[in-house]
Amino acid sequence: MLEPRREVAALPPAVHGGDAPDGVLDCSTGVSPLSPPAAVMAAWRGADVTRYPHPTALPLRRAIAARHGVGEEAIVVGAGSVELVWALARAFGGAGRRVGWVAPAFGEYAQAARASGAETMAVAVDAACDLLFVARPGNPTLAVPPVESARAGLVVVDEAYQPLCDGVPAVAPSDGVAVLRSLTKVFALPGLRLGYLVASPIVARAVQASLPPWNVSQPAMAAGLAALAEPTEPVRAAVAALRERLVARLAALGVLPVAAGGTFVVVDVGDARRFGAAMLARGVRVRDCASFGLPHLVRVGVRGDDDQERLIAAWRSCA
């Protein structure tokens, strides 16, 4: 029997949020707490699933290209931005290349890089490497690294949470800079899996070639087309108001976050795993940051007011 490559044979899964059991309040993700737009829901429900989608999601690529003022050849669409992270690693990583990420970071950067067979490492934003993943804002710290100081051959700026954050300007793609966006976090559609890449045509062509055809379903493509017509500013403002109320509720308990922005509040609890287990026992899932190398922090997703009252009640009983 042929043995698999050791890079994938010995690769354990990354740790993520979003896995709360039934009946547990899930505060472990950064998805918007608002309901998805009605037009977007109607679009995916009305999609014709008896037909194949376009092999490269061309109708959606054209609409995204028009939004960004680029040609359709500069856009790649994926089943979530994470699929594009893996495609980027396949296209620009591999044996003999160095792939880095600015840590702490989303675990799939390292997963995809290691699976490609590249030499991998957490690095500073100005480190010399072939491919560099940089989240703006960072997850979970909400840091905003200065991408202009990056020296990698290709810098991938992950802006999955940028539309939900105040004061984080978007990065313009260029020959050496590609930008990832998610269409599911801001509109609370993570189950649809939809993201896109804006890059130079050379980069986009290589990433597209690293993906299978029909990777974006008809419902996801229909939802994406509808989502592009929805404004993100009202979502960001509503999330900011909910976040401010959550911070105030925590402050009433004597808890001061070390960072807060977008759909995240980050708190130093000392022993994050123990605190997370205690919260889970009380019916609330928060994201301990041990897998990010921050075992003293928990990341709490902003939720609606009623859910935040439930979160605070559980927190109070853990104090």
C-alpha atoms as a PDB file:
ATOM      1  CA  MET A   1       0.000   0.000   0.000  1.00  0.00           C
ATOM      2  CA  LEU A   2       1.222   3.480  -0.901  1.00  0.00           C
ATOM      3  CA  GLU A   3       1.872   5.580   2.193  1.00  0.00           C
ATOM      4  CA  PRO A   4       0.603   9.178   2.295  1.00  0.00           C
ATOM      5  CA  ARG A   5       3.073  12.037   2.410  1.00  0.00           C
ATOM      6  CA  ARG A   6       4.229  12.512   5.985  1.00  0.00           C
ATOM      7  CA  GLU A   7       3.172  16.176   5.912  1.00  0.00           C
ATOM      8  CA  VAL A   8      -0.476  15.141   5.827  1.00  0.00           C
ATOM      9  CA  ALA A   9      -0.254  11.761   7.534  1.00  0.00           C
ATOM     10  CA  ALA A  10       0.929  13.358  10.771  1.00  0.00           C
ATOM     11  CA  LEU A  11      -1.134  16.541  10.578  1.00  0.00           C
ATOM     12  CA  PRO A  12      -3.641  16.825  13.450  1.00  0.00           C
ATOM     13  CA  PRO A  13      -6.686  19.066  12.969  1.00  0.00           C
ATOM     14  CA  ALA A  14      -6.477  22.689  14.017  1.00  0.00           C
ATOM     15  CA  VAL A  15      -8.519  23.965  16.949  1.00  0.00           C
ATOM     16  CA  HIS A  16     -11.509  26.168  16.118  1.00  0.00           C
ATOM     17  CA  GLY A  17     -14.576  27.662  17.736  1.00  0.00           C
ATOM     18  CA  GLY A  18     -18.101  27.097  16.516  1.00  0.00           C
ATOM     19  CA  ASP A  19     -18.488  23.605  17.916  1.00  0.00           C
ATOM     20  CA  ALA A  20     -20.871  24.240  20.800  1.00  0.00           C
ATOM     21  CA  PRO A  21     -23.172  21.286  21.618  1.00  0.00           C
ATOM     22  CA  ASP A  22     -26.926  21.626  21.129  1.00  0.00           C
ATOM     23  CA  GLY A  23     -28.476  23.823  23.785  1.00  0.00           C
ATOM     24  CA  VAL A  24     -25.204  25.613  24.558  1.00  0.00           C
ATOM     25  CA  LEU A  25     -24.881  29.326  23.841  1.00  0.00           C
ATOM     26  CA  ASP A  26     -22.034  29.643  21.352  1.00  0.00           C
ATOM     27  CA  CYS A  27     -19.845  32.681  22.025  1.00  0.00           C
ATOM     28  CA  SER A  28     -16.785  31.036  20.512  1.00  0.00           C
ATOM     29  CA  THR A  29     -16.950  32.515  17.007  1.00  0.00           C
ATOM     30  CA  GLY A  30     -16.717  35.957  15.439  1.00  0.00           C
ATOM     31  CA  VAL A  31     -19.761  35.628  13.193  1.00  0.00           C
ATOM     32  CA  SER A  32     -22.146  38.592  13.272  1.00  0.00           C
ATOM     33  CA  PRO A  33     -24.889  38.180  15.893  1.00  0.00           C
ATOM     34  CA  LEU A  34     -27.436  39.850  13.597  1.00  0.00           C
ATOM     35  CA  SER A  35     -29.875  37.869  11.478  1.00  0.00           C
ATOM     36  CA  PRO A  36     -28.853  37.360   7.836  1.00  0.00           C
ATOM     37  CA  PRO A  37     -30.468  39.787   5.367  1.00  0.00           C
ATOM     38  CA  ALA A  38     -33.828  38.529   4.113  1.00  0.00           C
ATOM     39  CA  ALA A  39     -32.820  39.057   0.484  1.00  0.00           C
ATOM     40  CA  VAL A  40     -29.742  36.881   0.925  1.00  0.00           C
ATOM     41  CA  MET A  41     -31.748  34.109   2.561  1.00  0.00           C
ATOM     42  CA  ALA A  42     -34.326  34.243  -0.235  1.00  0.00           C
ATOM     43  CA  ALA A  43     -31.580  34.111  -2.871  1.00  0.00           C
ATOM     44  CA  TRP A  44     -29.949  30.881  -1.680  1.00  0.00           C
ATOM     45  CA  ARG A  45     -33.284  29.230  -1.005  1.00  0.00           C
ATOM     46  CA  GLY A  46     -34.404  30.029  -4.537  1.00  0.00           C
ATOM     47  CA  ALA A  47     -31.252  28.774  -6.283  1.00  0.00           C
ATOM     48  CA  ASP A  48     -31.662  26.112  -8.961  1.00  0.00           C
ATOM     49  CA  VAL A  49     -29.787  23.130  -7.544  1.00  0.00           C
ATOM     50  CA  THR A  50     -30.734  20.922 -10.513  1.00  0.00           C
ATOM     51  CA  ARG A  51     -28.036  22.650 -12.583  1.00  0.00           C
ATOM     52  CA  TYR A  52     -24.287  22.706 -12.200  1.00  0.00           C
ATOM     53  CA  PRO A  53     -22.872  26.037 -11.068  1.00  0.00           C
ATOM     54  CA  HIS A  54     -20.289  27.730 -13.257  1.00  0.00           C
ATOM     55  CA  PRO A  55     -16.961  25.869 -12.762  1.00  0.00           C
ATOM     56  CA  THR A  56     -15.229  29.015 -11.454  1.00  0.00           C
ATOM     57  CA  ALA A  57     -18.288  30.917 -10.134  1.00  0.00           C
ATOM     58  CA  LEU A  58     -17.934  33.413 -12.988  1.00  0.00           C
ATOM     59  CA  PRO A  59     -21.176  35.377 -12.363  1.00  0.00           C
ATOM     60  CA  LEU A  60     -20.130  36.033  -8.775  1.00  0.00           C
ATOM     61  CA  ARG A  61     -16.524  36.752  -9.772  1.00  0.00           C
ATOM     62  CA  ARG A  62     -17.756  39.396 -12.219  1.00  0.00           C
ATOM     63  CA  ALA A  63     -19.912  41.047  -9.554  1.00  0.00           C
ATOM     64  CA  ILE A  64     -17.061  41.074  -7.024  1.00  0.00           C
ATOM     65  CA  ALA A  65     -14.682  42.440  -9.647  1.00  0.00           C
ATOM     66  CA  ALA A  66     -17.077  45.296 -10.362  1.00  0.00           C
ATOM     67  CA  ARG A  67     -17.280  46.046  -6.626  1.00  0.00           C
ATOM     68  CA  HIS A  68     -13.482  46.274  -6.362  1.00  0.00           C
ATOM     69  CA  GLY A  69     -12.864  47.969  -9.706  1.00  0.00           C
ATOM     70  CA  VAL A  70     -10.729  45.147 -11.121  1.00  0.00           C
ATOM     71  CA  GLY A  71     -11.074  42.612 -13.904  1.00  0.00           C
ATOM     72  CA  GLU A  72     -12.765  39.268 -13.315  1.00  0.00           C
ATOM     73  CA  GLU A  73      -9.390  37.590 -13.876  1.00  0.00           C
ATOM     74  CA  ALA A  74      -8.246  39.085 -10.539  1.00  0.00           C
ATOM     75  CA  ILE A  75     -10.956  37.328  -8.494  1.00  0.00           C
ATOM     76  CA  VAL A  76     -11.121  33.779  -7.143  1.00  0.00           C
ATOM     77  CA  VAL A  77     -14.108  32.529  -5.146  1.00  0.00           C
ATOM     78  CA  GLY A  78     -13.938  29.717  -2.627  1.00  0.00           C
ATOM     79  CA  ALA A  79     -16.086  27.645  -0.313  1.00  0.00           C
ATOM     80  CA  GLY A  80     -15.114  29.940   2.542  1.00  0.00           C
ATOM     81  CA  SER A  81     -11.911  31.953   2.639  1.00  0.00           C
ATOM     82  CA  VAL A  82     -10.222  28.971   4.306  1.00  0.00           C
ATOM     83  CA  GLU A  83     -10.443  27.013   1.054  1.00  0.00           C
ATOM     84  CA  LEU A  84      -8.505  29.827  -0.566  1.00  0.00           C
ATOM     85  CA  VAL A  85      -5.884  29.739   2.213  1.00  0.00           C
ATOM     86  CA  TRP A  86      -5.246  26.084   1.337  1.00  0.00           C
ATOM     87  CA  ALA A  87      -5.229  26.816  -2.397  1.00  0.00           C
ATOM     88  CA  LEU A  88      -2.695  29.611  -1.865  1.00  0.00           C
ATOM     89  CA  ALA A  89      -0.442  27.246   0.071  1.00  0.00           C
ATOM     90  CA  ARG A  90      -0.694  24.647  -2.704  1.00  0.00           C
ATOM     91  CA  ALA A  91       0.083  27.222  -5.367  1.00  0.00           C
ATOM     92  CA  PHE A  92       2.865  29.156  -3.610  1.00  0.00           C
ATOM     93  CA  GLY A  93       4.117  26.851  -0.853  1.00  0.00           C
ATOM     94  CA  GLY A  94       5.565  23.377  -1.237  1.00  0.00           C
ATOM     95  CA  ALA A  95       8.959  21.790  -0.743  1.00  0.00           C
ATOM     96  CA  GLY A  96      11.865  24.221  -0.805  1.00  0.00           C
ATOM     97  CA  ARG A  97       9.758  27.256   0.049  1.00  0.00           C
ATOM     98  CA  ARG A  98       9.252  29.163   3.290  1.00  0.00           C
ATOM     99  CA  VAL A  99       5.698  29.944   4.388  1.00  0.00           C
ATOM    100  CA  GLY A 100       5.095  32.139   7.423  1.00  0.00           C
ATOM    101  CA  TRP A 101       2.264  33.727   9.351  1.00  0.00           C
ATOM    102  CA  VAL A 102       2.115  36.607  11.791  1.00  0.00           C
ATOM    103  CA  ALA A 103       1.206  35.021  15.130  1.00  0.00           C
ATOM    104  CA  PRO A 104      -1.002  34.568  16.997  1.00  0.00           C
ATOM    105  CA  ALA A 105      -3.066  33.536  14.018  1.00  0.00           C
ATOM    106  CA  PHE A 106      -5.909  31.495  12.573  1.00  0.00           C
ATOM    107  CA  GLY A 107      -4.753  27.882  12.757  1.00  0.00           C
ATOM    108  CA  GLU A 108      -5.435  27.073   9.110  1.00  0.00           C
ATOM    109  CA  TYR A 109      -2.503  29.165   7.878  1.00  0.00           C
ATOM    110  CA  ALA A 110      -0.126  26.725   9.543  1.00  0.00           C
ATOM    111  CA  GLN A 111      -2.227  23.705   8.561  1.00  0.00           C
ATOM    112  CA  ALA A 112      -2.254  24.590   4.886  1.00  0.00           C
ATOM    113  CA  ALA A 113       1.434  25.513   4.852  1.00  0.00           C
ATOM    114  CA  ARG A 114       2.496  22.277   6.556  1.00  0.00           C
ATOM    115  CA  ALA A 115       0.321  20.165   4.284  1.00  0.00           C
ATOM    116  CA  SER A 116       2.029  21.732   1.260  1.00  0.00           C
ATOM    117  CA  GLY A 117       5.426  20.449   2.395  1.00  0.00           C
ATOM    118  CA  ALA A 118       6.886  23.923   2.860  1.00  0.00           C
ATOM    119  CA  GLU A 119       9.186  25.027   5.648  1.00  0.00           C
ATOM    120  CA  THR A 120       6.812  26.756   8.056  1.00  0.00           C
ATOM    121  CA  MET A 121       7.166  29.266  10.874  1.00  0.00           C
ATOM    122  CA  ALA A 122       5.523  32.055  12.840  1.00  0.00           C
ATOM    123  CA  VAL A 123       7.318  35.253  11.881  1.00  0.00           C
ATOM    124  CA  ALA A 124       7.309  39.033  12.188  1.00  0.00           C
ATOM    125  CA  VAL A 125       5.526  40.887   9.420  1.00  0.00           C
ATOM    126  CA  ASP A 126       8.858  42.045   7.921  1.00  0.00           C
ATOM    127  CA  ALA A 127      10.451  38.564   7.858  1.00  0.00           C
ATOM    128  CA  ALA A 128      11.868  37.231   4.600  1.00  0.00           C
ATOM    129  CA  CYS A 129       9.795  34.311   3.324  1.00  0.00           C
ATOM    130  CA  ASP A 130       8.134  33.203   0.120  1.00  0.00           C
ATOM    131  CA  LEU A 131       4.513  33.332   1.275  1.00  0.00           C
ATOM    132  CA  LEU A 132       3.226  35.255   4.300  1.00  0.00           C
ATOM    133  CA  PHE A 133      -0.258  35.223   5.826  1.00  0.00           C
ATOM    134  CA  VAL A 134      -1.245  38.345   7.767  1.00  0.00           C
ATOM    135  CA  ALA A 135      -4.655  38.881   9.355  1.00  0.00           C
ATOM    136  CA  ARG A 136      -5.928  42.485   9.602  1.00  0.00           C
ATOM    137  CA  PRO A 137      -7.288  42.676  12.220  1.00  0.00           C
ATOM    138  CA  GLY A 138      -5.479  39.795  13.891  1.00  0.00           C
ATOM    139  CA  ASN A 139      -7.297  36.902  15.495  1.00  0.00           C
ATOM    140  CA  PRO A 140      -7.630  36.897  18.480  1.00  0.00           C
ATOM    141  CA  THR A 141      -5.557  39.951  19.463  1.00  0.00           C
ATOM    142  CA  LEU A 142      -7.169  42.394  16.989  1.00  0.00           C
ATOM    143  CA  ALA A 143      -3.701  43.731  16.129  1.00  0.00           C
ATOM    144  CA  VAL A 144      -3.321  45.562  12.802  1.00  0.00           C
ATOM    145  CA  PRO A 145       0.152  44.747  11.405  1.00  0.00           C
ATOM    146  CA  PRO A 146       1.775  47.281   9.025  1.00  0.00           C
ATOM    147  CA  VAL A 147       1.600  45.356   5.774  1.00  0.00           C
ATOM    148  CA  GLU A 148       3.688  47.973   3.983  1.00  0.00           C
ATOM    149  CA  SER A 149       6.753  46.671   5.844  1.00  0.00           C
ATOM    150  CA  ALA A 150       6.280  43.084   4.615  1.00  0.00           C
ATOM    151  CA  ARG A 151       9.113  41.628   2.506  1.00  0.00           C
ATOM    152  CA  ALA A 152       7.625  38.268   1.487  1.00  0.00           C
ATOM    153  CA  GLY A 153       7.383  37.254  -2.141  1.00  0.00           C
ATOM    154  CA  LEU A 154       3.598  37.107  -1.770  1.00  0.00           C
ATOM    155  CA  VAL A 155       1.743  38.664   1.165  1.00  0.00           C
ATOM    156  CA  VAL A 156      -1.790  37.403   1.769  1.00  0.00           C
ATOM    157  CA  VAL A 157      -3.820  39.837   3.852  1.00  0.00           C
ATOM    158  CA  ASP A 158      -6.787  38.136   5.486  1.00  0.00           C
ATOM    159  CA  GLU A 159      -9.537  40.720   5.956  1.00  0.00           C
ATOM    160  CA  ALA A 160     -12.235  38.269   7.066  1.00  0.00           C
ATOM    161  CA  TYR A 161     -13.166  40.502  10.021  1.00  0.00           C
ATOM    162  CA  GLN A 162     -12.268  43.898   8.534  1.00  0.00           C
ATOM    163  CA  PRO A 163     -15.854  44.832   7.529  1.00  0.00           C
ATOM    164  CA  LEU A 164     -16.934  44.336  11.156  1.00  0.00           C
ATOM    165  CA  CYS A 165     -14.205  46.512  12.679  1.00  0.00           C
ATOM    166  CA  ASP A 166     -13.974  50.262  13.116  1.00  0.00           C
ATOM    167  CA  GLY A 167     -10.747  52.003  12.145  1.00  0.00           C
ATOM    168  CA  VAL A 168      -9.170  49.156  10.150  1.00  0.00           C
ATOM    169  CA  PRO A 169      -8.690  50.385   6.576  1.00  0.00           C
ATOM    170  CA  ALA A 170      -8.816  47.863   3.759  1.00  0.00           C
ATOM    171  CA  VAL A 171      -5.552  46.959   2.029  1.00  0.00           C
ATOM    172  CA  ALA A 172      -5.265  47.438  -1.715  1.00  0.00           C
ATOM    173  CA  PRO A 173      -4.119  44.349  -3.652  1.00  0.00           C
ATOM    174  CA  SER A 174      -1.035  44.609  -5.852  1.00  0.00           C
ATOM    175  CA  ASP A 175       1.423  42.343  -7.662  1.00  0.00           C
ATOM    176  CA  GLY A 176       2.864  41.164  -4.341  1.00  0.00           C
ATOM    177  CA  VAL A 177      -0.206  41.551  -2.122  1.00  0.00           C
ATOM    178  CA  ALA A 178      -3.375  39.464  -2.295  1.00  0.00           C
ATOM    179  CA  VAL A 179      -6.443  40.136  -0.143  1.00  0.00           C
ATOM    180  CA  LEU A 180      -8.851  37.569   1.310  1.00  0.00           C
ATOM    181  CA  ARG A 181     -12.433  38.466   2.175  1.00  0.00           C
ATOM    182  CA  SER A 182     -15.304  36.511   3.728  1.00  0.00           C
ATOM    183  CA  LEU A 183     -18.943  37.031   2.732  1.00  0.00           C
ATOM    184  CA  THR A 184     -20.298  34.876   5.532  1.00  0.00           C
ATOM    185  CA  LYS A 185     -19.070  36.450   8.791  1.00  0.00           C
ATOM    186  CA  VAL A 186     -20.516  39.909   8.285  1.00  0.00           C
ATOM    187  CA  PHE A 187     -23.891  38.525   7.163  1.00  0.00           C
ATOM    188  CA  ALA A 188     -24.002  35.551   9.582  1.00  0.00           C
ATOM    189  CA  LEU A 189     -23.916  32.813   6.938  1.00  0.00           C
ATOM    190  CA  PRO A 190     -21.015  30.548   7.975  1.00  0.00           C
ATOM    191  CA  GLY A 191     -22.875  27.418   6.948  1.00  0.00           C
ATOM    192  CA  LEU A 192     -22.918  28.536   3.301  1.00  0.00           C
ATOM    193  CA  ARG A 193     -19.091  28.715   3.056  1.00  0.00           C
ATOM    194  CA  LEU A 194     -18.246  31.646   0.815  1.00  0.00           C
ATOM    195  CA  GLY A 195     -15.150  33.834   0.496  1.00  0.00           C
ATOM    196  CA  TYR A 196     -13.046  35.410  -2.199  1.00  0.00           C
ATOM    197  CA  LEU A 197      -9.533  36.513  -3.124  1.00  0.00           C
ATOM    198  CA  VAL A 198      -8.534  39.732  -4.882  1.00  0.00           C
ATOM    199  CA  ALA A 199      -5.062  39.430  -6.399  1.00  0.00           C
ATOM    200  CA  SER A 200      -2.972  40.075  -9.468  1.00  0.00           C
ATOM    201  CA  PRO A 201      -4.145  38.009 -12.451  1.00  0.00           C
ATOM    202  CA  ILE A 202      -1.005  35.827 -12.221  1.00  0.00           C
ATOM    203  CA  VAL A 203      -1.671  34.982  -8.584  1.00  0.00           C
ATOM    204  CA  ALA A 204      -5.391  34.520  -9.129  1.00  0.00           C
ATOM    205  CA  ARG A 205      -4.787  32.179 -12.070  1.00  0.00           C
ATOM    206  CA  ALA A 206      -2.494  29.965  -9.992  1.00  0.00           C
ATOM    207  CA  VAL A 207      -4.941  29.847  -7.090  1.00  0.00           C
ATOM    208  CA  GLN A 208      -7.844  29.034  -9.399  1.00  0.00           C
ATOM    209  CA  ALA A 209      -5.798  26.208 -10.910  1.00  0.00           C
ATOM    210  CA  SER A 210      -5.295  24.839  -7.379  1.00  0.00           C
ATOM    211  CA  LEU A 211      -9.043  24.484  -6.840  1.00  0.00           C
ATOM    212  CA  PRO A 212     -11.455  21.879  -8.188  1.00  0.00           C
ATOM    213  CA  PRO A 213     -14.207  22.987 -10.570  1.00  0.00           C
ATOM    214  CA  TRP A 214     -17.689  23.698  -9.172  1.00  0.00           C
ATOM    215  CA  ASN A 215     -16.278  24.457  -5.716  1.00  0.00           C
ATOM    216  CA  VAL A 216     -18.947  27.129  -5.145  1.00  0.00           C
ATOM    217  CA  SER A 217     -22.507  25.793  -5.112  1.00  0.00           C
ATOM    218  CA  GLN A 218     -25.503  27.420  -6.774  1.00  0.00           C
ATOM    219  CA  PRO A 219     -27.015  28.444  -3.388  1.00  0.00           C
ATOM    220  CA  ALA A 220     -23.726  29.951  -2.218  1.00  0.00           C
ATOM    221  CA  MET A 221     -23.271  31.837  -5.488  1.00  0.00           C
ATOM    222  CA  ALA A 222     -26.836  33.180  -5.359  1.00  0.00           C
ATOM    223  CA  ALA A 223     -26.340  34.264  -1.755  1.00  0.00           C
ATOM    224  CA  GLY A 224     -23.070  35.954  -2.640  1.00  0.00           C
ATOM    225  CA  LEU A 225     -24.634  37.951  -5.448  1.00  0.00           C
ATOM    226  CA  ALA A 226     -27.385  39.125  -3.104  1.00  0.00           C
ATOM    227  CA  ALA A 227     -24.925  39.868  -0.286  1.00  0.00           C
ATOM    228  CA  LEU A 228     -22.902  42.206  -2.492  1.00  0.00           C
ATOM    229  CA  ALA A 229     -25.953  44.463  -2.705  1.00  0.00           C
ATOM    230  CA  GLU A 230     -26.246  44.685   1.098  1.00  0.00           C
ATOM    231  CA  PRO A 231     -24.487  47.492   3.003  1.00  0.00           C
ATOM    232  CA  THR A 232     -22.059  46.461   5.720  1.00  0.00           C
ATOM    233  CA  GLU A 233     -21.988  49.770   7.603  1.00  0.00           C
ATOM    234  CA  PRO A 234     -25.277  49.171   9.492  1.00  0.00           C
ATOM    235  CA  VAL A 235     -24.022  45.750  10.560  1.00  0.00           C
ATOM    236  CA  ARG A 236     -20.762  47.215  11.837  1.00  0.00           C
ATOM    237  CA  ALA A 237     -22.620  49.930  13.770  1.00  0.00           C
ATOM    238  CA  ALA A 238     -25.066  47.475  15.347  1.00  0.00           C
ATOM    239  CA  VAL A 239     -22.243  45.113  16.309  1.00  0.00           C
ATOM    240  CA  ALA A 240     -20.298  48.017  17.856  1.00  0.00           C
ATOM    241  CA  ALA A 241     -23.296  48.934  20.012  1.00  0.00           C
ATOM    242  CA  LEU A 242     -23.700  45.339  21.205  1.00  0.00           C
ATOM    243  CA  ARG A 243     -19.961  45.107  21.888  1.00  0.00           C
ATOM    244  CA  GLU A 244     -20.026  48.287  23.973  1.00  0.00           C
ATOM    245  CA  ARG A 245     -22.901  46.909  26.035  1.00  0.00           C
ATOM    246  CA  LEU A 246     -21.027  43.645  26.567  1.00  0.00           C
ATOM    247  CA  VAL A 247     -17.910  45.498  27.694  1.00  0.00           C
ATOM    248  CA  ALA A 248     -20.055  47.529  30.114  1.00  0.00           C
ATOM    249  CA  ARG A 249     -21.643  44.364  31.512  1.00  0.00           C
ATOM    250  CA  LEU A 250     -18.215  42.810  32.036  1.00  0.00           C
ATOM    251  CA  ALA A 251     -16.943  46.007  33.645  1.00  0.00           C
ATOM    252  CA  ALA A 252     -19.817  45.757  36.145  1.00  0.00           C
ATOM    253  CA  LEU A 253     -18.296  42.426  37.195  1.00  0.00           C
ATOM    254  CA  GLY A 254     -14.882  44.026  37.533  1.00  0.00           C
ATOM    255  CA  VAL A 255     -13.689  42.425  34.284  1.00  0.00           C
ATOM    256  CA  LEU A 256     -11.722  44.682  31.919  1.00  0.00           C
ATOM    257  CA  PRO A 257     -11.010  43.274  28.426  1.00  0.00           C
ATOM    258  CA  VAL A 258      -7.468  43.406  27.089  1.00  0.00           C
ATOM    259  CA  ALA A 259      -8.857  43.952  23.593  1.00  0.00           C
ATOM    260  CA  ALA A 260     -12.244  44.627  22.036  1.00  0.00           C
ATOM    261  CA  GLY A 261     -13.194  45.174  18.411  1.00  0.00           C
ATOM    262  CA  GLY A 262     -15.543  43.912  15.744  1.00  0.00           C
ATOM    263  CA  THR A 263     -17.330  40.845  17.057  1.00  0.00           C
ATOM    264  CA  PHE A 264     -14.634  40.011  19.651  1.00  0.00           C
ATOM    265  CA  VAL A 265     -13.914  40.800  23.268  1.00  0.00           C
ATOM    266  CA  VAL A 266     -10.692  39.305  24.661  1.00  0.00           C
ATOM    267  CA  VAL A 267     -10.270  38.796  28.415  1.00  0.00           C
ATOM    268  CA  ASP A 268      -7.399  37.640  30.615  1.00  0.00           C
ATOM    269  CA  VAL A 269      -8.836  34.937  32.902  1.00  0.00           C
ATOM    270  CA  GLY A 270      -5.558  33.380  34.080  1.00  0.00           C
ATOM    271  CA  ASP A 271      -6.228  29.758  33.131  1.00  0.00           C
ATOM    272  CA  ALA A 272      -8.274  29.870  29.929  1.00  0.00           C
ATOM    273  CA  ARG A 273      -8.880  26.140  29.617  1.00  0.00           C
ATOM    274  CA  ARG A 274     -10.177  25.845  33.163  1.00  0.00           C
ATOM    275  CA  PHE A 275     -12.356  28.928  32.739  1.00  0.00           C
ATOM    276  CA  GLY A 276     -13.671  27.688  29.393  1.00  0.00           C
ATOM    277  CA  ALA A 277     -14.603  24.334  30.917  1.00  0.00           C
ATOM    278  CA  ALA A 278     -16.385  26.070  33.786  1.00  0.00           C
ATOM    279  CA  MET A 279     -18.375  28.236  31.365  1.00  0.00           C
ATOM    280  CA  LEU A 280     -19.265  25.223  29.233  1.00  0.00           C
ATOM    281  CA  ALA A 281     -20.585  23.452  32.332  1.00  0.00           C
ATOM    282  CA  ARG A 282     -22.901  26.455  32.709  1.00  0.00           C
ATOM    283  CA  GLY A 283     -24.131  26.265  29.142  1.00  0.00           C
ATOM    284  CA  VAL A 284     -21.904  28.836  27.444  1.00  0.00           C
ATOM    285  CA  ARG A 285     -19.047  28.150  25.017  1.00  0.00           C
ATOM    286  CA  VAL A 286     -16.220  30.686  24.859  1.00  0.00           C
ATOM    287  CA  ARG A 287     -13.016  30.259  22.891  1.00  0.00           C
ATOM    288  CA  ASP A 288      -9.973  29.654  25.041  1.00  0.00           C
ATOM    289  CA  CYS A 289      -6.859  30.944  23.304  1.00  0.00           C
ATOM    290  CA  ALA A 290      -4.417  28.219  24.373  1.00  0.00           C
ATOM    291  CA  SER A 291      -4.146  26.980  20.776  1.00  0.00           C
ATOM    292  CA  PHE A 292      -3.048  30.494  19.785  1.00  0.00           C
ATOM    293  CA  GLY A 293      -0.234  30.293  22.343  1.00  0.00           C
ATOM    294  CA  LEU A 294      -2.170  32.546  24.737  1.00  0.00           C
ATOM    295  CA  PRO A 295      -3.279  30.192  27.527  1.00  0.00           C
ATOM    296  CA  HIS A 296      -4.384  33.054  29.798  1.00  0.00           C
ATOM    297  CA  LEU A 297      -6.878  34.591  27.366  1.00  0.00           C
ATOM    298  CA  VAL A 298     -10.416  33.793  26.258  1.00  0.00           C
ATOM    299  CA  ARG A 299     -12.063  35.240  23.180  1.00  0.00           C
ATOM    300  CA  VAL A 300     -15.748  36.019  23.550  1.00  0.00           C
ATOM    301  CA  GLY A 301     -17.976  36.554  20.537  1.00  0.00           C
ATOM    302  CA  VAL A 302     -20.412  39.464  20.660  1.00  0.00           C
ATOM    303  CA  ARG A 303     -23.998  38.232  20.713  1.00  0.00           C
ATOM    304  CA  GLY A 304     -27.473  39.735  21.042  1.00  0.00           C
ATOM    305  CA  ASP A 305     -28.561  41.369  24.286  1.00  0.00           C
ATOM    306  CA  ASP A 306     -30.510  38.383  25.631  1.00  0.00           C
ATOM    307  CA  ASP A 307     -27.641  36.017  24.921  1.00  0.00           C
ATOM    308  CA  GLN A 308     -25.215  38.450  26.537  1.00  0.00           C
ATOM    309  CA  GLU A 309     -27.297  38.436  29.709  1.00  0.00           C
ATOM    310  CA  ARG A 310     -27.005  34.652  29.732  1.00  0.00           C
ATOM    311  CA  LEU A 311     -23.249  34.922  29.178  1.00  0.00           C
ATOM    312  CA  ILE A 312     -22.866  37.382  32.052  1.00  0.00           C
ATOM    313  CA  ALA A 313     -24.906  35.186  34.403  1.00  0.00           C
ATOM    314  CA  ALA A 314     -22.622  32.244  33.639  1.00  0.00           C
ATOM    315  CA  TRP A 315     -19.529  34.428  34.036  1.00  0.00           C
ATOM    316  CA  ARG A 316     -20.733  35.718  37.393  1.00  0.00           C
ATOM    317  CA  SER A 317     -21.144  32.171  38.691  1.00  0.00           C
ATOM    318  CA  CYS A 318     -17.595  31.310  37.591  1.00  0.00           C
ATOM    319  CA  ALA A 319     -16.049  34.247  39.438  1.00  0.00           C
END
